[in-house]
């Protein structure tokens, strides 16, 4: 029984491995990208909704300026 479980896990790992086109490295995908993105957007929305905006307008503007520079 343990051998069958081990073989099943090995088969899933081999099937789930893929190559990253950009870097050429191998990766193990346990969840599809669409599911990961949906979950991350949901978590981000929950975080944004649960934390109030900073009342310090000067600091908030500085963060926005730095973020824009980093993005560019």
Protein backbone atom coordinates (compact mmCIF):
# COMPACT_ATOMS: atom_id res chain seq x y z
CA UNK A 1 0.00 0.00 0.00
CA UNK A 2 2.79 2.43 0.90
CA UNK A 3 4.49 1.64 -2.39
CA UNK A 4 1.36 2.55 -4.36
CA UNK A 5 1.02 5.86 -2.52
CA UNK A 6 4.69 6.64 -3.11
CA UNK A 7 4.37 5.85 -6.81
CA UNK A 8 1.25 8.01 -7.07
CA UNK A 9 3.03 10.94 -5.43
CA UNK A 10 6.00 10.49 -7.73
CA UNK A 11 3.74 10.36 -10.78
CA UNK A 12 1.94 13.56 -9.76
CA UNK A 13 5.27 15.31 -9.17
CA UNK A 14 6.59 14.28 -12.58
CA UNK A 15 3.41 15.33 -14.38
CA UNK A 16 3.23 18.64 -12.49
CA UNK A 17 6.81 19.66 -13.33
CA UNK A 18 7.20 22.08 -16.17
CA UNK A 19 9.85 24.35 -17.58
CA UNK A 20 9.75 28.14 -17.22
CA UNK A 21 10.06 29.58 -20.72
CA UNK A 22 11.86 32.75 -19.67
CA UNK A 23 14.54 31.26 -17.41
CA UNK A 24 14.61 27.61 -18.49
CA UNK A 25 14.41 26.38 -14.90
CA UNK A 26 12.07 23.63 -13.79
CA UNK A 27 9.13 24.32 -11.51
CA UNK A 28 6.55 22.25 -9.67
CA UNK A 29 3.02 23.57 -10.17
CA UNK A 30 0.65 22.38 -7.47
CA UNK A 31 -2.07 24.86 -8.45
CA UNK A 32 -2.86 26.44 -11.81
CA UNK A 33 -1.87 30.10 -12.30
CA UNK A 34 -5.50 31.14 -12.62
CA UNK A 35 -6.30 29.78 -9.16
CA UNK A 36 -3.23 31.42 -7.61
CA UNK A 37 -4.07 34.80 -9.18
CA UNK A 38 -7.70 34.65 -8.08
CA UNK A 39 -6.65 33.81 -4.53
CA UNK A 40 -4.03 36.57 -4.43
CA UNK A 41 -6.48 39.21 -5.70
CA UNK A 42 -9.01 38.13 -3.09
CA UNK A 43 -6.42 38.28 -0.29
CA UNK A 44 -5.20 41.70 -1.43
CA UNK A 45 -8.77 43.05 -1.48
CA UNK A 46 -9.38 41.71 2.04
CA UNK A 47 -6.18 43.37 3.25
CA UNK A 48 -6.98 46.73 1.65
CA UNK A 49 -10.52 46.66 3.06
CA UNK A 50 -9.31 45.80 6.58
CA UNK A 51 -6.59 48.47 6.92
CA UNK A 52 -7.58 52.14 7.03
CA UNK A 53 -5.74 54.65 4.84
CA UNK A 54 -2.99 56.65 6.52
CA UNK A 55 -4.08 60.07 7.78
CA UNK A 56 -0.55 61.41 7.11
CA UNK A 57 -0.97 62.87 3.62
CA UNK A 58 2.68 63.85 3.21
CA UNK A 59 3.90 60.32 3.84
CA UNK A 60 1.21 58.86 1.60
CA UNK A 61 2.28 61.14 -1.26
CA UNK A 62 5.92 60.17 -0.74
CA UNK A 63 5.01 56.48 -0.95
CA UNK A 64 3.08 57.12 -4.18
CA UNK A 65 6.04 59.02 -5.72
CA UNK A 66 8.50 56.28 -4.79
CA UNK A 67 6.14 53.60 -6.08
CA UNK A 68 5.79 55.37 -9.41
CA UNK A 69 9.58 55.68 -9.73
CA UNK A 70 10.02 51.99 -8.97
CA UNK A 71 7.30 51.06 -11.48
CA UNK A 72 9.00 53.09 -14.21
